[in-house]
Amino acid sequence: MRRELLTWNDVEKLIDHLLPQFEIEFDAMILISRGGIIPGGLLAEAMGITSLLTAAVDFPYEAELEKEREKTRLLAWPKFLQFPDNSLLQEKRLLIVDDVWGSGRTITAVKNRVNGAGGFPSTCVLHFNPYRNLFGTVRPDYYAAITDAYIVYPWEVERGPHSNLTPRLG
């Protein structure tokens, strides 16, 4: 799979591309952890949104073999590890933010739960990958770019569990 490494300047351009797309004012944002935290924070600052909520979603799996594990994972129901109380969502216009819409399962699960709570959700991502999308013609309400690449954001570079770097001392 092709990888694309972004700079902070690239992210700023994506945010600048998104901002004119918003036709309504939002009452609050739901940032999907972890990917939506930084893009959502940047958008909230630019849009003057001070009510920020978070959601954490997992799609658990039980199978042992890697191929079966991924197949089972696609069929799993979402497990909400963290989610705002329904009273914070009811009759509110909410912008749900994540970094990437790959399969679309995570952001769609959050959107459906907001709908169920009586909120009015809109979805927003920096990158939309229509080639991995599991929801046919459904796509994010707002997105800055379409891609088929694996995107590496500047806040992910040389950090985290997949880094080959040795820890820095001092």
C-alpha atoms as a PDB file:
ATOM      1  CA  MET A   1       0.000   0.000   0.000  1.00  0.00           C
ATOM      2  CA  ARG A   2       1.260   3.446  -0.914  1.00  0.00           C
ATOM      3  CA  ARG A   3       2.136   5.646   2.069  1.00  0.00           C
ATOM      4  CA  GLU A   4       1.890   9.410   2.132  1.00  0.00           C
ATOM      5  CA  LEU A   5       3.761  11.380   4.795  1.00  0.00           C
ATOM      6  CA  LEU A   6       2.200  14.770   5.556  1.00  0.00           C
ATOM      7  CA  THR A   7       3.785  17.866   7.040  1.00  0.00           C
ATOM      8  CA  TRP A   8       2.122  20.365   9.371  1.00  0.00           C
ATOM      9  CA  ASN A   9       1.870  22.699   6.386  1.00  0.00           C
ATOM     10  CA  ASP A  10      -0.077  19.981   4.506  1.00  0.00           C
ATOM     11  CA  VAL A  11      -2.477  19.669   7.444  1.00  0.00           C
ATOM     12  CA  GLU A  12      -2.979  23.447   7.548  1.00  0.00           C
ATOM     13  CA  LYS A  13      -3.904  23.370   3.848  1.00  0.00           C
ATOM     14  CA  LEU A  14      -6.425  20.573   4.491  1.00  0.00           C
ATOM     15  CA  ILE A  15      -8.003  22.580   7.326  1.00  0.00           C
ATOM     16  CA  ASP A  16      -8.114  25.658   5.070  1.00  0.00           C
ATOM     17  CA  HIS A  17      -9.870  23.547   2.420  1.00  0.00           C
ATOM     18  CA  LEU A  18     -12.486  22.335   4.917  1.00  0.00           C
ATOM     19  CA  LEU A  19     -13.413  25.648   6.547  1.00  0.00           C
ATOM     20  CA  PRO A  20     -15.343  27.190   3.607  1.00  0.00           C
ATOM     21  CA  GLN A  21     -17.407  23.998   3.255  1.00  0.00           C
ATOM     22  CA  PHE A  22     -19.284  24.464   6.545  1.00  0.00           C
ATOM     23  CA  GLU A  23     -22.670  25.955   5.730  1.00  0.00           C
ATOM     24  CA  ILE A  24     -24.131  25.804   9.230  1.00  0.00           C
ATOM     25  CA  GLU A  25     -22.962  26.633  12.730  1.00  0.00           C
ATOM     26  CA  PHE A  26     -22.429  23.691  15.031  1.00  0.00           C
ATOM     27  CA  ASP A  27     -23.359  23.599  18.706  1.00  0.00           C
ATOM     28  CA  ALA A  28     -20.511  21.236  19.535  1.00  0.00           C
ATOM     29  CA  MET A  29     -17.953  18.803  18.121  1.00  0.00           C
ATOM     30  CA  ILE A  30     -17.421  15.158  18.858  1.00  0.00           C
ATOM     31  CA  LEU A  31     -13.766  14.247  18.373  1.00  0.00           C
ATOM     32  CA  ILE A  32     -13.158  10.561  17.754  1.00  0.00           C
ATOM     33  CA  SER A  33     -10.132   9.405  19.681  1.00  0.00           C
ATOM     34  CA  ARG A  34      -7.413   9.191  18.799  1.00  0.00           C
ATOM     35  CA  GLY A  35      -7.392  10.247  15.153  1.00  0.00           C
ATOM     36  CA  GLY A  36      -9.882  13.106  15.433  1.00  0.00           C
ATOM     37  CA  ILE A  37      -8.345  14.849  18.434  1.00  0.00           C
ATOM     38  CA  ILE A  38      -5.790  17.030  16.612  1.00  0.00           C
ATOM     39  CA  PRO A  39      -7.806  17.804  13.448  1.00  0.00           C
ATOM     40  CA  GLY A  40     -10.858  18.497  15.617  1.00  0.00           C
ATOM     41  CA  GLY A  41      -8.887  20.815  17.862  1.00  0.00           C
ATOM     42  CA  LEU A  42      -7.578  22.750  14.873  1.00  0.00           C
ATOM     43  CA  LEU A  43     -11.074  23.046  13.398  1.00  0.00           C
ATOM     44  CA  ALA A  44     -12.611  24.027  16.743  1.00  0.00           C
ATOM     45  CA  GLU A  45     -10.091  26.824  17.162  1.00  0.00           C
ATOM     46  CA  ALA A  46     -10.652  28.117  13.630  1.00  0.00           C
ATOM     47  CA  MET A  47     -14.458  27.893  13.943  1.00  0.00           C
ATOM     48  CA  GLY A  48     -14.725  29.244  17.484  1.00  0.00           C
ATOM     49  CA  ILE A  49     -16.373  26.077  18.808  1.00  0.00           C
ATOM     50  CA  THR A  50     -15.760  25.687  22.536  1.00  0.00           C
ATOM     51  CA  SER A  51     -17.944  22.678  23.312  1.00  0.00           C
ATOM     52  CA  LEU A  52     -15.764  19.652  22.533  1.00  0.00           C
ATOM     53  CA  LEU A  53     -16.833  16.100  23.326  1.00  0.00           C
ATOM     54  CA  THR A  54     -14.966  12.842  22.722  1.00  0.00           C
ATOM     55  CA  ALA A  55     -15.936   9.358  21.634  1.00  0.00           C
ATOM     56  CA  ALA A  56     -13.808   6.227  21.687  1.00  0.00           C
ATOM     57  CA  VAL A  57     -14.955   3.208  19.680  1.00  0.00           C
ATOM     58  CA  ASP A  58     -13.502  -0.273  19.366  1.00  0.00           C
ATOM     59  CA  PHE A  59     -14.450  -3.171  17.126  1.00  0.00           C
ATOM     60  CA  PRO A  60     -13.379  -6.234  19.147  1.00  0.00           C
ATOM     61  CA  TYR A  61     -12.555  -9.608  17.657  1.00  0.00           C
ATOM     62  CA  GLU A  62     -12.055 -13.096  19.036  1.00  0.00           C
ATOM     63  CA  ALA A  63     -10.428 -15.147  16.263  1.00  0.00           C
ATOM     64  CA  GLU A  64      -6.818 -16.276  16.471  1.00  0.00           C
ATOM     65  CA  LEU A  65      -5.720 -16.391  12.837  1.00  0.00           C
ATOM     66  CA  GLU A  66      -4.880 -13.017  11.282  1.00  0.00           C
ATOM     67  CA  LYS A  67      -7.078 -13.515   8.185  1.00  0.00           C
ATOM     68  CA  GLU A  68     -10.024 -14.702  10.271  1.00  0.00           C
ATOM     69  CA  ARG A  69      -9.393 -11.934  12.801  1.00  0.00           C
ATOM     70  CA  GLU A  70      -9.849  -9.198  10.187  1.00  0.00           C
ATOM     71  CA  LYS A  71     -12.955 -10.888   8.751  1.00  0.00           C
ATOM     72  CA  THR A  72     -14.463 -11.219  12.242  1.00  0.00           C
ATOM     73  CA  ARG A  73     -13.512  -7.630  13.060  1.00  0.00           C
ATOM     74  CA  LEU A  74     -15.493  -6.369  10.037  1.00  0.00           C
ATOM     75  CA  LEU A  75     -18.590  -8.143  11.347  1.00  0.00           C
ATOM     76  CA  ALA A  76     -18.223  -7.008  14.981  1.00  0.00           C
ATOM     77  CA  TRP A  77     -20.596  -4.585  16.665  1.00  0.00           C
ATOM     78  CA  PRO A  78     -18.935  -1.430  17.931  1.00  0.00           C
ATOM     79  CA  LYS A  79     -17.964  -1.201  21.572  1.00  0.00           C
ATOM     80  CA  PHE A  80     -18.195   2.383  22.842  1.00  0.00           C
ATOM     81  CA  LEU A  81     -15.367   2.836  25.317  1.00  0.00           C
ATOM     82  CA  GLN A  82     -16.285   6.475  25.865  1.00  0.00           C
ATOM     83  CA  PHE A  83     -19.268   8.481  24.656  1.00  0.00           C
ATOM     84  CA  PRO A  84     -21.019  11.727  25.642  1.00  0.00           C
ATOM     85  CA  ASP A  85     -24.225  11.530  27.621  1.00  0.00           C
ATOM     86  CA  ASN A  86     -27.380  11.728  25.508  1.00  0.00           C
ATOM     87  CA  SER A  87     -28.387  14.966  27.249  1.00  0.00           C
ATOM     88  CA  LEU A  88     -25.361  16.663  25.657  1.00  0.00           C
ATOM     89  CA  LEU A  89     -26.422  15.539  22.174  1.00  0.00           C
ATOM     90  CA  GLN A  90     -30.189  15.954  22.098  1.00  0.00           C
ATOM     91  CA  GLU A  91     -31.348  18.591  19.577  1.00  0.00           C
ATOM     92  CA  LYS A  92     -27.749  19.742  19.011  1.00  0.00           C
ATOM     93  CA  ARG A  93     -25.992  20.241  15.664  1.00  0.00           C
ATOM     94  CA  LEU A  94     -22.844  18.175  16.089  1.00  0.00           C
ATOM     95  CA  LEU A  95     -19.763  17.951  13.908  1.00  0.00           C
ATOM     96  CA  ILE A  96     -18.158  14.525  14.269  1.00  0.00           C
ATOM     97  CA  VAL A  97     -14.444  14.706  13.411  1.00  0.00           C
ATOM     98  CA  ASP A  98     -11.916  11.965  12.621  1.00  0.00           C
ATOM     99  CA  ASP A  99      -8.698  11.969  10.623  1.00  0.00           C
ATOM    100  CA  VAL A 100      -9.577   9.381   7.962  1.00  0.00           C
ATOM    101  CA  TRP A 101     -12.700   7.688   6.636  1.00  0.00           C
ATOM    102  CA  GLY A 102     -11.294   4.316   5.589  1.00  0.00           C
ATOM    103  CA  SER A 103     -13.954   1.658   6.010  1.00  0.00           C
ATOM    104  CA  GLY A 104     -16.232   4.298   7.563  1.00  0.00           C
ATOM    105  CA  ARG A 105     -17.318   2.003  10.405  1.00  0.00           C
ATOM    106  CA  THR A 106     -16.104   4.105  13.328  1.00  0.00           C
ATOM    107  CA  ILE A 107     -17.500   7.466  12.269  1.00  0.00           C
ATOM    108  CA  THR A 108     -20.750   5.842  11.084  1.00  0.00           C
ATOM    109  CA  ALA A 109     -21.177   4.116  14.456  1.00  0.00           C
ATOM    110  CA  VAL A 110     -20.737   7.470  16.216  1.00  0.00           C
ATOM    111  CA  LYS A 111     -23.122   9.191  13.793  1.00  0.00           C
ATOM    112  CA  ASN A 112     -25.797   6.522  14.339  1.00  0.00           C
ATOM    113  CA  ARG A 113     -25.495   6.802  18.106  1.00  0.00           C
ATOM    114  CA  VAL A 114     -25.837  10.620  17.902  1.00  0.00           C
ATOM    115  CA  ASN A 115     -28.945  10.166  15.716  1.00  0.00           C
ATOM    116  CA  GLY A 116     -30.350   7.756  18.294  1.00  0.00           C
ATOM    117  CA  ALA A 117     -29.833  10.357  21.023  1.00  0.00           C
ATOM    118  CA  GLY A 118     -31.809  12.949  19.061  1.00  0.00           C
ATOM    119  CA  GLY A 119     -28.835  14.948  17.815  1.00  0.00           C
ATOM    120  CA  PHE A 120     -28.172  16.254  14.312  1.00  0.00           C
ATOM    121  CA  PRO A 121     -24.784  14.844  13.258  1.00  0.00           C
ATOM    122  CA  SER A 122     -22.534  15.826  10.376  1.00  0.00           C
ATOM    123  CA  THR A 123     -19.307  13.944   9.643  1.00  0.00           C
ATOM    124  CA  CYS A 124     -15.931  15.460   8.824  1.00  0.00           C
ATOM    125  CA  VAL A 125     -12.530  13.943   8.005  1.00  0.00           C
ATOM    126  CA  LEU A 126      -9.283  15.145   6.539  1.00  0.00           C
ATOM    127  CA  HIS A 127      -9.039  12.184   4.140  1.00  0.00           C
ATOM    128  CA  PHE A 128     -11.732  10.048   2.531  1.00  0.00           C
ATOM    129  CA  ASN A 129     -10.752   6.682   1.040  1.00  0.00           C
ATOM    130  CA  PRO A 130     -13.638   5.600  -1.236  1.00  0.00           C
ATOM    131  CA  TYR A 131     -11.784   2.397  -2.144  1.00  0.00           C
ATOM    132  CA  ARG A 132     -12.067   1.011   1.424  1.00  0.00           C
ATOM    133  CA  ASN A 133     -15.520   2.437   2.188  1.00  0.00           C
ATOM    134  CA  LEU A 134     -17.961  -0.244   3.385  1.00  0.00           C
ATOM    135  CA  PHE A 135     -21.044   1.972   2.988  1.00  0.00           C
ATOM    136  CA  GLY A 136     -21.530   2.141  -0.776  1.00  0.00           C
ATOM    137  CA  THR A 137     -22.242   5.696  -1.880  1.00  0.00           C
ATOM    138  CA  VAL A 138     -22.343   7.051   1.688  1.00  0.00           C
ATOM    139  CA  ARG A 139     -19.444   9.386   2.314  1.00  0.00           C
ATOM    140  CA  PRO A 140     -18.438  12.023   4.858  1.00  0.00           C
ATOM    141  CA  ASP A 141     -20.438  15.238   4.810  1.00  0.00           C
ATOM    142  CA  TYR A 142     -17.176  17.185   4.751  1.00  0.00           C
ATOM    143  CA  TYR A 143     -13.706  16.061   3.696  1.00  0.00           C
ATOM    144  CA  ALA A 144     -10.573  17.810   2.529  1.00  0.00           C
ATOM    145  CA  ALA A 145      -9.068  15.184   0.202  1.00  0.00           C
ATOM    146  CA  ILE A 146      -9.714  11.822  -1.435  1.00  0.00           C
ATOM    147  CA  THR A 147      -6.947   9.243  -1.241  1.00  0.00           C
ATOM    148  CA  ASP A 148      -6.103   5.584  -1.687  1.00  0.00           C
ATOM    149  CA  ALA A 149      -2.879   5.916   0.338  1.00  0.00           C
ATOM    150  CA  TYR A 150      -2.066   5.099   3.927  1.00  0.00           C
ATOM    151  CA  ILE A 151      -1.732   8.591   5.421  1.00  0.00           C
ATOM    152  CA  VAL A 152       0.900   9.345   8.058  1.00  0.00           C
ATOM    153  CA  TYR A 153       0.132  12.611   9.836  1.00  0.00           C
ATOM    154  CA  PRO A 154       2.893  14.769  11.347  1.00  0.00           C
ATOM    155  CA  TRP A 155       1.786  13.914  14.879  1.00  0.00           C
ATOM    156  CA  GLU A 156       2.289  10.201  14.124  1.00  0.00           C
ATOM    157  CA  VAL A 157       5.847  10.416  12.812  1.00  0.00           C
ATOM    158  CA  GLU A 158       8.498   8.472  14.731  1.00  0.00           C
ATOM    159  CA  ARG A 159       6.236   7.918  17.691  1.00  0.00           C
ATOM    160  CA  GLY A 160       4.004   5.214  19.010  1.00  0.00           C
ATOM    161  CA  PRO A 161       4.106   1.435  19.005  1.00  0.00           C
ATOM    162  CA  HIS A 162       5.184   1.127  15.349  1.00  0.00           C
ATOM    163  CA  SER A 163       8.258   3.333  15.679  1.00  0.00           C
ATOM    164  CA  ASN A 164      11.683   1.799  15.145  1.00  0.00           C
ATOM    165  CA  LEU A 165      13.366   4.530  17.136  1.00  0.00           C
ATOM    166  CA  THR A 166      14.921   3.965  20.504  1.00  0.00           C
ATOM    167  CA  PRO A 167      13.419   6.046  23.303  1.00  0.00           C
ATOM    168  CA  ARG A 168      15.024   9.429  23.866  1.00  0.00           C
ATOM    169  CA  LEU A 169      16.661   9.973  27.219  1.00  0.00           C
ATOM    170  CA  GLY A 170      16.498  13.396  28.876  1.00  0.00           C
END
